[in-house]
């Protein structure tokens, strides 16, 4: 295996919350794969638009000569790192039957459960998912971007087939998948010692399927936009959570418990009344552009330009607050011996502009 010290790995998780599991099962899957191999990596936030395949997670591999390779999709990232000698091939010793089961487990979760969970998270619990994923997108753009993303996902689910099932059929499929995973894990747990990690294929070492199973087990509890799935796994499949807890204790001790109760997610306020006036308009416009979801950039460009125009006007008004008409100044009338009142009567019917009044005071 190549010297791991000659490479620097930067893992873009889609979140800057260090010490917390990300809602995406694929991020946790890749972190698990790196940690069980004692491969050091640097976590970073990143965003889908910056990824090679426009999705999270993605990884930058920096070689000793300074060259950077951009990798995306957890399956292909793992395979590429194995070929480069950065990660060991943990499936190399599997028999053909074990390899087939390992592949089947991964496909069942990544190509079946993924779409079922997408419906629960993006359709049934849309607001929670939107505010988490697009927390850095300012209002009101977040609402429109979220709706656009939701509609795209609904179309994809319809083409894939999951969107055409009834709710009862979808929930039955979800429970069927977790029942299969739970059965494998129960047999494996019976062979393990107290407190020891046990693996999906029942062996003494993890396989690629464990990375996927751990990722989806953690995500079922960490993601707050899938409450029904979380309750299902917690109440009917406790062995699944025991499997994930033991792995976390050994490999993710620096992370907060994935099933710890948390308060309802509240997205940060990206724009307040105060910042509307005090923040430089061009800087605010740039911040909106750089945090925007690219799929809706063109759709909302006009809206952003309109907001910029309003901000520029507000900024100018804050510097030169001049009422068009103001009550005449009685003190100035008295000081000028009535000349000022006569001027006002003729020109503005006892009212004058702010600038005219100031000039007349100077004359007084």
Protein backbone atom coordinates (compact mmCIF):
# COMPACT_ATOMS: atom_id res chain seq x y z
CA UNK A 1 0.00 0.00 0.00
CA UNK A 2 1.19 3.48 -0.81
CA UNK A 3 2.35 5.72 2.02
CA UNK A 4 -0.77 7.47 3.31
CA UNK A 5 1.32 10.35 4.63
CA UNK A 6 2.11 11.34 1.05
CA UNK A 7 -1.54 12.18 0.44
CA UNK A 8 -3.86 14.73 1.95
CA UNK A 9 -7.56 13.94 1.86
CA UNK A 10 -10.19 16.67 2.19
CA UNK A 11 -13.70 15.35 2.62
CA UNK A 12 -16.50 17.76 1.77
CA UNK A 13 -19.47 16.75 3.92
CA UNK A 14 -21.97 19.44 2.96
CA UNK A 15 -22.00 20.71 6.54
CA UNK A 16 -19.62 22.66 8.72
CA UNK A 17 -20.97 21.14 11.93
CA UNK A 18 -17.93 19.24 13.16
CA UNK A 19 -18.61 16.50 15.66
CA UNK A 20 -22.10 15.84 14.30
CA UNK A 21 -23.28 13.22 11.86
CA UNK A 22 -24.56 14.58 8.56
CA UNK A 23 -28.12 13.73 7.49
CA UNK A 24 -26.85 12.11 4.30
CA UNK A 25 -26.08 8.38 4.72
CA UNK A 26 -23.43 8.59 2.01
CA UNK A 27 -21.30 11.06 3.95
CA UNK A 28 -21.29 8.78 7.00
CA UNK A 29 -20.62 5.80 4.75
CA UNK A 30 -17.44 7.37 3.40
CA UNK A 31 -16.29 8.61 6.81
CA UNK A 32 -16.72 5.07 8.17
CA UNK A 33 -14.65 3.68 5.30
CA UNK A 34 -11.82 6.10 6.01
CA UNK A 35 -11.85 5.66 9.78
CA UNK A 36 -11.80 1.86 9.91
CA UNK A 37 -8.66 2.04 7.74
CA UNK A 38 -7.03 4.65 10.02
CA UNK A 39 -6.86 7.03 7.06
CA UNK A 40 -6.56 10.65 8.10
CA UNK A 41 -8.81 13.17 6.39
CA UNK A 42 -9.70 16.82 6.84
CA UNK A 43 -13.45 17.53 7.04
CA UNK A 44 -14.79 20.55 5.16
CA UNK A 45 -18.22 21.94 4.37
CA UNK A 46 -18.38 22.21 0.58
CA UNK A 47 -21.56 22.35 -1.45
CA UNK A 48 -23.09 20.30 -4.29
CA UNK A 49 -22.42 22.94 -6.98
CA UNK A 50 -18.70 22.66 -6.32
CA UNK A 51 -18.57 18.87 -6.50
CA UNK A 52 -17.42 17.00 -9.61
CA UNK A 53 -20.83 15.32 -9.93
CA UNK A 54 -22.78 18.16 -8.28
CA UNK A 55 -23.59 16.15 -5.17
CA UNK A 56 -22.40 15.49 -1.61
CA UNK A 57 -20.01 14.07 -0.55
CA UNK A 58 -16.93 14.63 -2.65
CA UNK A 59 -13.26 14.37 -1.87
CA UNK A 60 -10.04 16.13 -2.90
CA UNK A 61 -6.87 14.07 -2.91
CA UNK A 62 -3.74 16.21 -2.80
CA UNK A 63 -0.52 14.40 -3.71
CA UNK A 64 2.95 15.22 -2.39
CA UNK A 65 3.74 17.16 -5.59
CA UNK A 66 0.77 19.46 -4.98
CA UNK A 67 -1.49 18.02 -7.68
CA UNK A 68 -5.15 17.65 -6.72
CA UNK A 69 -7.56 14.96 -7.88
CA UNK A 70 -11.29 15.63 -7.42
CA UNK A 71 -13.33 12.52 -6.63
CA UNK A 72 -17.08 12.06 -6.28
CA UNK A 73 -19.66 9.34 -5.55
CA UNK A 74 -18.81 7.23 -2.51
CA UNK A 75 -18.57 3.95 -4.41
CA UNK A 76 -16.17 5.33 -6.99
CA UNK A 77 -14.22 7.33 -4.41
CA UNK A 78 -13.59 4.11 -2.47
CA UNK A 79 -12.58 2.18 -5.57
CA UNK A 80 -10.26 4.95 -6.72
CA UNK A 81 -8.56 5.18 -3.31
CA UNK A 82 -8.11 1.40 -3.28
CA UNK A 83 -6.46 1.51 -6.71
CA UNK A 84 -4.13 4.29 -5.56
CA UNK A 85 -3.18 2.32 -2.47
CA UNK A 86 -4.66 4.83 -0.06
CA UNK A 87 -7.30 2.39 1.27
CA UNK A 88 -7.10 -1.38 1.74
CA UNK A 89 -9.48 -3.65 -0.16
CA UNK A 90 -11.57 -5.01 2.71
CA UNK A 91 -13.61 -7.24 0.36
CA UNK A 92 -10.61 -8.96 -1.16
CA UNK A 93 -10.95 -12.11 0.97
CA UNK A 94 -14.69 -12.63 0.52
CA UNK A 95 -15.95 -15.78 -1.14
CA UNK A 96 -18.15 -15.43 -4.24
CA UNK A 97 -21.27 -16.04 -2.13
CA UNK A 98 -20.22 -13.49 0.50
CA UNK A 99 -19.37 -10.98 -2.22
CA UNK A 100 -22.80 -11.44 -3.79
CA UNK A 101 -24.56 -10.87 -0.44
CA UNK A 102 -22.39 -7.83 0.25
CA UNK A 103 -23.32 -6.34 -3.12
CA UNK A 104 -27.01 -7.16 -2.67
CA UNK A 105 -27.13 -5.44 0.73
CA UNK A 106 -25.54 -2.28 -0.65
CA UNK A 107 -27.87 -2.16 -3.64
CA UNK A 108 -30.93 -2.79 -1.46
CA UNK A 109 -30.12 0.28 0.62
CA UNK A 110 -28.56 2.61 -1.94
CA UNK A 111 -30.85 1.83 -4.87
CA UNK A 112 -34.10 0.98 -3.07
CA UNK A 113 -34.29 2.45 0.43
CA UNK A 114 -32.72 5.70 -0.80
CA UNK A 115 -35.71 6.52 -3.01
CA UNK A 116 -38.23 5.51 -0.36
CA UNK A 117 -36.51 7.78 2.15
CA UNK A 118 -36.33 10.58 -0.41
CA UNK A 119 -40.11 10.55 -0.66
CA UNK A 120 -40.51 10.69 3.10
CA UNK A 121 -37.97 13.48 3.52
CA UNK A 122 -38.62 15.68 0.50
CA UNK A 123 -42.36 15.18 0.00
CA UNK A 124 -43.92 14.29 3.35
CA UNK A 125 -41.60 16.44 5.47
CA UNK A 126 -40.55 18.99 2.90
CA UNK A 127 -40.25 22.12 5.08
CA UNK A 128 -37.83 20.49 7.54
CA UNK A 129 -35.64 19.14 4.74
CA UNK A 130 -35.70 22.41 2.81
CA UNK A 131 -34.67 24.53 5.79
CA UNK A 132 -31.79 22.18 6.58
CA UNK A 133 -30.41 21.73 3.06
CA UNK A 134 -30.88 25.37 2.00
CA UNK A 135 -30.19 27.00 5.36
CA UNK A 136 -27.58 29.27 3.78
CA UNK A 137 -29.93 30.50 1.06
CA UNK A 138 -31.61 33.75 2.14
CA UNK A 139 -35.34 34.20 2.24
CA UNK A 140 -37.49 34.44 0.18
CA UNK A 141 -35.29 32.67 -2.36
CA UNK A 142 -35.07 29.61 -0.09
CA UNK A 143 -38.80 28.95 -0.48
CA UNK A 144 -38.69 29.09 -4.27
CA UNK A 145 -35.47 27.08 -4.57
CA UNK A 146 -36.91 24.49 -2.22
CA UNK A 147 -40.10 24.16 -4.23
CA UNK A 148 -38.13 23.78 -7.44
CA UNK A 149 -35.96 21.07 -5.89
CA UNK A 150 -39.00 19.28 -4.46
CA UNK A 151 -40.72 19.24 -7.87
CA UNK A 152 -37.57 17.86 -9.51
CA UNK A 153 -37.38 15.08 -6.91
CA UNK A 154 -41.06 14.25 -7.36
CA UNK A 155 -40.50 13.89 -11.10
CA UNK A 156 -37.47 11.64 -10.55
CA UNK A 157 -39.36 9.48 -8.07
CA UNK A 158 -42.20 9.12 -10.55
CA UNK A 159 -39.80 8.04 -13.31
CA UNK A 160 -37.99 5.65 -10.94
CA UNK A 161 -41.28 4.14 -9.78
CA UNK A 162 -41.32 4.92 -6.06
CA UNK A 163 -43.52 7.95 -6.60
CA UNK A 164 -46.23 5.78 -8.16
CA UNK A 165 -46.70 3.61 -5.07
CA UNK A 166 -49.28 4.32 -2.41
CA UNK A 167 -48.13 5.43 1.04
CA UNK A 168 -49.01 2.02 2.45
CA UNK A 169 -46.91 0.27 -0.21
CA UNK A 170 -43.95 2.55 0.44
CA UNK A 171 -44.03 1.97 4.20
CA UNK A 172 -44.35 -1.77 3.72
CA UNK A 173 -41.26 -1.72 1.50
CA UNK A 174 -39.29 0.31 4.05
CA UNK A 175 -40.17 -2.11 6.83
CA UNK A 176 -39.31 -5.09 4.63
CA UNK A 177 -35.82 -3.72 3.99
CA UNK A 178 -35.09 -3.00 7.66
CA UNK A 179 -36.42 -6.46 8.58
CA UNK A 180 -33.87 -8.06 6.24
CA UNK A 181 -31.01 -5.97 7.67
CA UNK A 182 -32.12 -6.69 11.23
CA UNK A 183 -32.16 -10.44 10.56
CA UNK A 184 -28.56 -10.45 9.35
CA UNK A 185 -27.41 -8.32 12.27
CA UNK A 186 -29.14 -10.49 14.88
CA UNK A 187 -27.28 -13.56 13.67
CA UNK A 188 -24.02 -11.64 13.69
CA UNK A 189 -24.58 -10.20 17.18
CA UNK A 190 -25.06 -13.70 18.58
CA UNK A 191 -21.46 -14.50 17.61
CA UNK A 192 -19.93 -11.30 19.03
CA UNK A 193 -18.75 -10.71 22.56
CA UNK A 194 -20.21 -8.18 24.94
CA UNK A 195 -19.67 -4.66 23.66
CA UNK A 196 -17.80 -5.85 20.56
CA UNK A 197 -18.63 -4.63 17.08
CA UNK A 198 -20.48 -7.13 14.94
CA UNK A 199 -20.70 -6.97 11.17
CA UNK A 200 -23.44 -7.45 8.60
CA UNK A 201 -21.95 -10.63 7.06
CA UNK A 202 -21.17 -12.18 10.45
CA UNK A 203 -17.41 -12.13 10.02
CA UNK A 204 -14.70 -10.78 12.30
CA UNK A 205 -13.96 -7.77 10.08
CA UNK A 206 -16.19 -5.20 8.34
CA UNK A 207 -16.90 -5.23 4.63
CA UNK A 208 -18.04 -2.60 2.17
CA UNK A 209 -21.66 -3.43 3.04
CA UNK A 210 -21.04 -2.35 6.64
CA UNK A 211 -20.13 1.14 5.47
CA UNK A 212 -23.52 1.42 3.78
CA UNK A 213 -25.50 -0.20 6.59
CA UNK A 214 -23.86 2.02 9.21
CA UNK A 215 -24.50 5.12 7.09
CA UNK A 216 -28.20 4.35 6.69
CA UNK A 217 -28.63 3.28 10.32
CA UNK A 218 -27.18 6.57 11.57
CA UNK A 219 -29.10 8.62 9.01
CA UNK A 220 -32.40 7.04 10.06
CA UNK A 221 -32.01 8.71 13.47
CA UNK A 222 -29.90 11.78 12.70
CA UNK A 223 -32.14 13.09 9.92
CA UNK A 224 -35.06 15.00 11.41
CA UNK A 225 -37.07 15.01 8.21
CA UNK A 226 -37.79 11.27 8.45
CA UNK A 227 -39.58 10.92 11.80
CA UNK A 228 -41.65 7.88 10.85
CA UNK A 229 -38.63 5.89 9.69
CA UNK A 230 -36.75 6.92 12.82
CA UNK A 231 -39.57 5.65 15.01
CA UNK A 232 -39.85 2.43 13.02
CA UNK A 233 -36.17 1.56 13.42
CA UNK A 234 -36.11 2.60 17.08
CA UNK A 235 -39.14 0.56 18.12
CA UNK A 236 -38.97 -2.53 15.88
CA UNK A 237 -35.28 -2.95 15.11
CA UNK A 238 -33.23 -2.15 18.24
CA UNK A 239 -30.41 -4.42 17.09
CA UNK A 240 -29.81 -2.07 14.15
CA UNK A 241 -29.23 0.81 16.56
CA UNK A 242 -27.09 -1.34 18.85
CA UNK A 243 -24.94 -2.20 15.83
CA UNK A 244 -24.51 1.49 15.03
CA UNK A 245 -23.82 2.51 18.64
CA UNK A 246 -21.00 0.01 19.03
CA UNK A 247 -19.39 1.22 15.82
CA UNK A 248 -19.67 4.83 16.93
CA UNK A 249 -18.08 4.06 20.30
CA UNK A 250 -15.08 2.53 18.56
CA UNK A 251 -14.62 4.69 15.47
CA UNK A 252 -16.61 7.90 16.06
CA UNK A 253 -16.02 8.61 19.75
CA UNK A 254 -15.47 12.30 18.91
CA UNK A 255 -19.01 12.59 17.50
CA UNK A 256 -22.19 13.36 19.42
CA UNK A 257 -24.52 10.33 19.71
CA UNK A 258 -26.49 10.00 16.52
CA UNK A 259 -29.70 9.16 18.38
CA UNK A 260 -29.42 11.86 21.04
CA UNK A 261 -32.59 13.94 21.35
CA UNK A 262 -32.18 17.34 19.75
CA UNK A 263 -34.31 20.42 19.46
CA UNK A 264 -36.14 21.16 16.24
CA UNK A 265 -33.78 22.49 13.60
CA UNK A 266 -34.03 26.24 13.11
CA UNK A 267 -32.28 27.74 10.08
CA UNK A 268 -30.13 30.81 10.69
CA UNK A 269 -31.54 34.22 9.82
CA UNK A 270 -29.49 35.25 6.83
CA UNK A 271 -30.97 38.71 6.45
CA UNK A 272 -32.47 41.11 9.00
CA UNK A 273 -33.91 44.60 8.80
CA UNK A 274 -30.74 46.04 10.28
CA UNK A 275 -28.43 44.44 7.74
CA UNK A 276 -30.72 45.52 4.92
CA UNK A 277 -29.68 49.13 5.48
CA UNK A 278 -26.22 48.87 7.01
CA UNK A 279 -24.67 46.13 4.87
CA UNK A 280 -23.13 47.43 1.61
CA UNK A 281 -25.56 46.55 -1.18
CA UNK A 282 -22.94 45.09 -3.48
CA UNK A 283 -21.59 42.86 -0.69
CA UNK A 284 -25.09 41.64 0.16
CA UNK A 285 -25.74 40.90 -3.51
CA UNK A 286 -22.46 38.97 -3.77
CA UNK A 287 -23.28 36.93 -0.66
CA UNK A 288 -26.64 36.01 -2.16
CA UNK A 289 -25.02 34.96 -5.43
CA UNK A 290 -22.30 32.84 -3.82
CA UNK A 291 -24.71 30.98 -1.53
CA UNK A 292 -27.37 30.42 -4.16
CA UNK A 293 -28.40 27.04 -5.41
CA UNK A 294 -27.25 26.92 -9.05
CA UNK A 295 -30.32 25.16 -10.40
CA UNK A 296 -32.40 28.23 -9.63
CA UNK A 297 -29.78 30.91 -10.28
CA UNK A 298 -31.22 32.02 -13.60
CA UNK A 299 -34.78 31.85 -12.31
CA UNK A 300 -34.05 34.20 -9.41
CA UNK A 301 -31.51 36.53 -10.97
CA UNK A 302 -34.20 39.11 -11.68
CA UNK A 303 -35.39 38.88 -8.09
CA UNK A 304 -31.88 39.49 -6.78
CA UNK A 305 -31.35 42.48 -9.06
CA UNK A 306 -34.64 43.92 -7.82
CA UNK A 307 -33.53 43.41 -4.23
CA UNK A 308 -30.21 45.09 -5.01
CA UNK A 309 -31.99 48.09 -6.50
CA UNK A 310 -34.18 48.41 -3.43
CA UNK A 311 -31.15 48.16 -1.15
CA UNK A 312 -29.29 50.84 -3.07
CA UNK A 313 -32.29 53.13 -2.78
CA UNK A 314 -32.63 52.39 0.93
CA UNK A 315 -28.93 53.06 1.46
CA UNK A 316 -29.21 56.41 -0.32
CA UNK A 317 -32.28 57.34 1.65
CA UNK A 318 -30.50 56.55 4.92
CA UNK A 319 -27.76 59.04 4.09
CA UNK A 320 -30.04 61.85 2.87
CA UNK A 321 -33.28 61.76 4.81
CA UNK A 322 -35.05 64.79 3.31
CA UNK A 323 -38.81 65.11 3.63
CA UNK A 324 -40.34 66.67 0.55
CA UNK A 325 -42.28 69.16 2.67
CA UNK A 326 -41.78 70.24 6.28
CA UNK A 327 -43.60 72.59 8.61
CA UNK A 328 -42.32 76.18 8.43
CA UNK A 329 -40.00 77.24 11.20
CA UNK A 330 -41.75 79.81 13.46
CA UNK A 331 -38.46 80.83 15.03
CA UNK A 332 -37.02 81.75 11.69
CA UNK A 333 -40.18 83.73 10.88
CA UNK A 334 -39.73 85.82 14.00
CA UNK A 335 -36.02 86.35 13.48
CA UNK A 336 -36.52 87.50 9.90
CA UNK A 337 -39.28 89.94 10.82
CA UNK A 338 -41.91 88.15 8.80
CA UNK A 339 -40.00 88.06 5.52
CA UNK A 340 -39.73 84.29 5.66
CA UNK A 341 -43.49 83.87 6.14
CA UNK A 342 -44.17 86.05 3.15
CA UNK A 343 -41.84 83.97 1.01
CA UNK A 344 -43.52 80.78 2.04
CA UNK A 345 -47.03 82.14 1.45
CA UNK A 346 -46.19 82.92 -2.14
CA UNK A 347 -44.15 79.89 -3.05
CA UNK A 348 -45.40 76.87 -1.12
CA UNK A 349 -48.50 77.89 0.80
CA UNK A 350 -46.92 78.04 4.25
CA UNK A 351 -44.73 74.96 3.65
CA UNK A 352 -41.29 74.71 2.19
CA UNK A 353 -38.77 72.07 1.23
CA UNK A 354 -36.12 71.00 3.72
CA UNK A 355 -33.33 72.49 1.63
CA UNK A 356 -35.12 75.84 1.14
CA UNK A 357 -35.71 76.19 4.83
CA UNK A 358 -32.09 75.47 5.65
CA UNK A 359 -30.90 78.07 3.13
CA UNK A 360 -33.26 80.71 4.54
CA UNK A 361 -32.06 80.00 8.06
CA UNK A 362 -28.52 80.59 6.90
CA UNK A 363 -29.58 84.00 5.55
CA UNK A 364 -31.22 84.81 8.88
